[in-house]
């Protein structure tokens, strides 16, 4: 086997190791989300009454935080999968930006536990939670920018429409989270993080995300054979 071919195969093996490591981090983060949720202790001879919801209230809040966090982690994994699909090699820049993104992913379980401490008069844990999502979105965008704009030589040749759309998706999500986080943080600082005064800013994210996604929908390419290979 010639030396260039050997080096190429070695690079592919190392890139695969990076992808497997990333997948493991995503899987561990999701596992840690659910592992701390426990079924509430019920007293002996307990009869169903109006107190049932009260007993399960904390568990329901924990499970809601799990579902929300699972959605964001899953969405980040899907975006990561799409980006790395077009990589043929890597460099230190890819490694650093990938690790930066994974650092915030693995911190998700910690910030998710803060959602259980939210009160109508104290929404600050939501701000911290959204701040972590913003850091994930920004680091994901930095990775996409590096792969597709700064170092296109790292990519598989061709597939430009697909690469552009993935890049735009990363940019749109980072912008939407950034605007929403700023609005929630400013409103919270001015109102003492009270829910009634922060209602509009809290529901701003889906509105902005919906608007921006519609703006880039025209750039969505048709399904490419690379993304729909038969098993």
Protein backbone atom coordinates (compact mmCIF):
# COMPACT_ATOMS: atom_id res chain seq x y z
CA UNK A 1 0.00 0.00 0.00
CA UNK A 2 1.43 3.39 -1.02
CA UNK A 3 2.13 6.03 1.64
CA UNK A 4 -0.48 8.60 0.42
CA UNK A 5 -3.21 5.94 0.45
CA UNK A 6 -2.12 4.78 3.90
CA UNK A 7 -2.20 8.35 5.25
CA UNK A 8 -5.66 8.89 3.75
CA UNK A 9 -7.03 5.75 5.39
CA UNK A 10 -5.45 6.76 8.69
CA UNK A 11 -7.12 10.18 8.48
CA UNK A 12 -10.49 8.57 7.75
CA UNK A 13 -10.07 6.31 10.78
CA UNK A 14 -9.23 9.31 13.00
CA UNK A 15 -12.23 11.25 11.66
CA UNK A 16 -14.45 8.26 12.43
CA UNK A 17 -13.08 8.21 15.98
CA UNK A 18 -13.99 11.89 16.37
CA UNK A 19 -17.54 11.20 15.17
CA UNK A 20 -17.92 8.18 17.46
CA UNK A 21 -16.62 10.21 20.41
CA UNK A 22 -19.14 12.98 19.61
CA UNK A 23 -22.00 10.48 19.38
CA UNK A 24 -21.00 9.06 22.75
CA UNK A 25 -21.13 12.52 24.34
CA UNK A 26 -24.60 13.14 22.93
CA UNK A 27 -25.77 9.73 24.18
CA UNK A 28 -24.31 10.28 27.66
CA UNK A 29 -25.89 13.75 27.94
CA UNK A 30 -29.32 12.32 27.08
CA UNK A 31 -28.85 9.43 29.52
CA UNK A 32 -27.88 11.80 32.35
CA UNK A 33 -31.07 13.78 31.71
CA UNK A 34 -33.29 10.85 32.68
CA UNK A 35 -31.13 9.03 35.20
CA UNK A 36 -31.86 11.47 38.05
CA UNK A 37 -35.65 11.41 37.57
CA UNK A 38 -37.16 9.13 40.19
CA UNK A 39 -40.67 7.89 40.74
CA UNK A 40 -42.00 9.69 43.84
CA UNK A 41 -42.23 7.71 47.07
CA UNK A 42 -45.82 6.87 47.92
CA UNK A 43 -46.88 6.13 51.49
CA UNK A 44 -48.19 2.67 52.31
CA UNK A 45 -51.89 2.07 51.72
CA UNK A 46 -52.08 5.28 49.74
CA UNK A 47 -55.44 5.92 48.14
CA UNK A 48 -55.89 8.04 45.02
CA UNK A 49 -57.14 11.46 45.98
CA UNK A 50 -56.82 15.07 44.99
CA UNK A 51 -53.29 15.04 46.42
CA UNK A 52 -52.05 12.78 43.59
CA UNK A 53 -51.12 15.67 41.29
CA UNK A 54 -49.36 17.42 44.17
CA UNK A 55 -47.25 14.33 44.82
CA UNK A 56 -46.29 13.96 41.14
CA UNK A 57 -45.87 17.68 40.45
CA UNK A 58 -42.09 17.75 40.92
CA UNK A 59 -41.65 14.59 38.82
CA UNK A 60 -43.79 16.07 36.05
CA UNK A 61 -41.67 19.21 36.00
CA UNK A 62 -38.51 17.09 35.82
CA UNK A 63 -39.98 15.07 32.96
CA UNK A 64 -40.97 18.23 31.10
CA UNK A 65 -37.39 19.48 31.44
CA UNK A 66 -36.17 16.10 30.14
CA UNK A 67 -38.42 16.25 27.06
CA UNK A 68 -37.42 19.83 26.27
CA UNK A 69 -33.72 19.07 26.71
CA UNK A 70 -34.00 15.83 24.73
CA UNK A 71 -35.45 17.84 21.85
CA UNK A 72 -32.61 20.38 21.84
CA UNK A 73 -29.90 17.73 22.21
CA UNK A 74 -31.48 15.63 19.47
CA UNK A 75 -31.68 18.66 17.19
CA UNK A 76 -28.02 19.46 17.86
CA UNK A 77 -27.03 15.85 17.13
CA UNK A 78 -28.94 15.90 13.82
CA UNK A 79 -27.19 19.12 12.80
CA UNK A 80 -23.84 17.66 13.83
CA UNK A 81 -24.57 14.54 11.76
CA UNK A 82 -25.38 16.61 8.67
CA UNK A 83 -22.22 18.70 8.99
CA UNK A 84 -19.84 15.80 9.46
CA UNK A 85 -21.43 13.91 6.58
CA UNK A 86 -19.55 16.20 4.20
CA UNK A 87 -16.17 16.10 5.95
CA UNK A 88 -13.42 14.06 4.30
CA UNK A 89 -10.65 15.10 6.68
CA UNK A 90 -10.10 17.33 9.73
CA UNK A 91 -7.61 19.64 11.40
CA UNK A 92 -7.08 21.15 14.85
CA UNK A 93 -9.68 23.83 14.13
CA UNK A 94 -12.39 21.20 13.68
CA UNK A 95 -11.29 19.37 16.82
CA UNK A 96 -11.34 22.52 18.99
CA UNK A 97 -14.72 23.76 17.74
CA UNK A 98 -16.26 20.31 18.02
CA UNK A 99 -15.05 19.93 21.61
CA UNK A 100 -16.37 23.41 22.45
CA UNK A 101 -19.82 22.45 21.20
CA UNK A 102 -19.75 19.12 23.06
CA UNK A 103 -18.78 20.86 26.31
CA UNK A 104 -22.09 22.74 26.34
CA UNK A 105 -23.99 19.63 25.26
CA UNK A 106 -22.71 17.59 28.19
CA UNK A 107 -23.61 20.48 30.54
CA UNK A 108 -27.28 20.19 29.53
CA UNK A 109 -28.31 17.89 32.43
CA UNK A 110 -26.98 20.40 34.97
CA UNK A 111 -28.90 23.32 33.48
CA UNK A 112 -32.02 21.16 33.01
CA UNK A 113 -32.19 20.56 36.78
CA UNK A 114 -32.50 24.32 37.22
CA UNK A 115 -35.87 24.28 35.44
CA UNK A 116 -37.34 22.42 38.43
CA UNK A 117 -36.67 25.52 40.55
CA UNK A 118 -38.66 27.90 38.34
CA UNK A 119 -41.40 29.84 40.14
CA UNK A 120 -43.87 32.36 38.68
CA UNK A 121 -41.99 35.07 40.51
CA UNK A 122 -38.50 33.70 39.75
CA UNK A 123 -37.73 32.78 36.12
CA UNK A 124 -33.96 33.19 36.37
CA UNK A 125 -33.25 29.41 35.96
CA UNK A 126 -34.93 29.63 32.54
CA UNK A 127 -32.52 32.41 31.56
CA UNK A 128 -29.53 30.26 32.53
CA UNK A 129 -30.98 27.28 30.64
CA UNK A 130 -31.57 29.35 27.52
CA UNK A 131 -28.06 30.78 27.89
CA UNK A 132 -26.61 27.28 27.58
CA UNK A 133 -28.71 26.68 24.46
CA UNK A 134 -27.34 29.95 23.05
CA UNK A 135 -23.77 28.78 23.68
CA UNK A 136 -24.55 25.50 21.90
CA UNK A 137 -26.07 27.37 18.96
CA UNK A 138 -23.12 29.77 18.68
CA UNK A 139 -20.50 27.02 18.96
CA UNK A 140 -22.42 24.96 16.40
CA UNK A 141 -22.46 27.94 14.03
CA UNK A 142 -18.72 28.49 14.54
CA UNK A 143 -18.14 24.84 13.62
CA UNK A 144 -20.33 25.13 10.51
CA UNK A 145 -18.62 28.37 9.48
CA UNK A 146 -15.19 26.80 9.87
CA UNK A 147 -16.09 23.66 7.93
CA UNK A 148 -18.07 25.20 5.09
CA UNK A 149 -16.67 28.75 4.78
CA UNK A 150 -13.23 29.02 6.35
CA UNK A 151 -11.82 25.60 5.39
CA UNK A 152 -13.86 24.23 2.45
CA UNK A 153 -10.85 22.08 1.49
CA UNK A 154 -11.79 19.78 4.38
CA UNK A 155 -15.05 18.88 2.64
CA UNK A 156 -16.10 16.33 0.08
CA UNK A 157 -16.18 18.15 -3.28
CA UNK A 158 -19.60 19.23 -4.54
CA UNK A 159 -22.95 19.24 -2.71
CA UNK A 160 -22.80 23.04 -2.42
CA UNK A 161 -26.59 23.61 -2.05
CA UNK A 162 -26.74 21.12 0.84
CA UNK A 163 -23.73 22.70 2.56
CA UNK A 164 -25.18 26.19 2.17
CA UNK A 165 -28.51 25.13 3.67
CA UNK A 166 -26.86 23.47 6.68
CA UNK A 167 -24.81 26.62 7.22
CA UNK A 168 -27.90 28.84 7.00
CA UNK A 169 -29.79 26.59 9.44
CA UNK A 170 -26.97 26.97 11.98
CA UNK A 171 -26.91 30.74 11.49
CA UNK A 172 -30.70 31.07 11.80
CA UNK A 173 -30.85 29.04 15.02
CA UNK A 174 -28.00 31.04 16.58
CA UNK A 175 -29.67 34.35 15.64
CA UNK A 176 -33.11 33.26 16.91
CA UNK A 177 -31.72 32.04 20.24
CA UNK A 178 -29.53 35.15 20.56
CA UNK A 179 -32.42 37.57 20.06
CA UNK A 180 -34.72 35.62 22.40
CA UNK A 181 -32.07 35.28 25.10
CA UNK A 182 -31.29 39.00 24.95
CA UNK A 183 -34.98 39.90 25.19
CA UNK A 184 -35.58 37.53 28.12
CA UNK A 185 -32.46 38.65 29.96
CA UNK A 186 -33.17 42.39 29.56
CA UNK A 187 -36.85 41.97 30.46
CA UNK A 188 -35.93 39.84 33.46
CA UNK A 189 -33.39 42.34 34.76
CA UNK A 190 -35.94 45.13 34.47
CA UNK A 191 -38.82 43.22 36.07
CA UNK A 192 -37.09 40.98 38.61
CA UNK A 193 -37.58 37.84 36.48
CA UNK A 194 -41.31 37.78 37.09
CA UNK A 195 -43.26 35.50 34.72
CA UNK A 196 -46.16 37.86 34.03
CA UNK A 197 -43.82 40.62 32.89
CA UNK A 198 -41.68 38.22 30.82
CA UNK A 199 -44.46 36.36 29.00
CA UNK A 200 -43.98 38.03 25.62
CA UNK A 201 -40.20 37.66 25.60
CA UNK A 202 -40.45 33.99 26.62
CA UNK A 203 -42.69 33.17 23.64
CA UNK A 204 -40.58 35.25 21.29
CA UNK A 205 -38.28 32.34 20.36
CA UNK A 206 -40.76 30.20 18.38
CA UNK A 207 -42.02 33.29 16.53
CA UNK A 208 -38.52 34.38 15.49
CA UNK A 209 -37.50 30.83 14.62
CA UNK A 210 -40.62 30.35 12.50
CA UNK A 211 -40.03 33.62 10.63
CA UNK A 212 -36.33 32.97 9.93
CA UNK A 213 -36.89 29.36 8.88
CA UNK A 214 -39.44 30.53 6.33
CA UNK A 215 -36.88 33.01 5.01
CA UNK A 216 -34.32 30.29 4.27
CA UNK A 217 -36.81 27.67 3.10
CA UNK A 218 -36.20 28.69 -0.52
CA UNK A 219 -32.59 27.55 -0.16
CA UNK A 220 -33.59 24.02 0.90
CA UNK A 221 -32.24 21.63 -1.74
CA UNK A 222 -34.03 18.46 -2.86
CA UNK A 223 -32.97 15.22 -1.10
CA UNK A 224 -29.48 14.28 -2.21
CA UNK A 225 -28.35 10.66 -2.71
CA UNK A 226 -25.63 11.22 -0.10
CA UNK A 227 -28.26 11.84 2.58
CA UNK A 228 -30.55 9.00 1.55
CA UNK A 229 -28.33 6.04 0.82
CA UNK A 230 -30.08 2.65 1.16
CA UNK A 231 -28.95 0.44 4.03
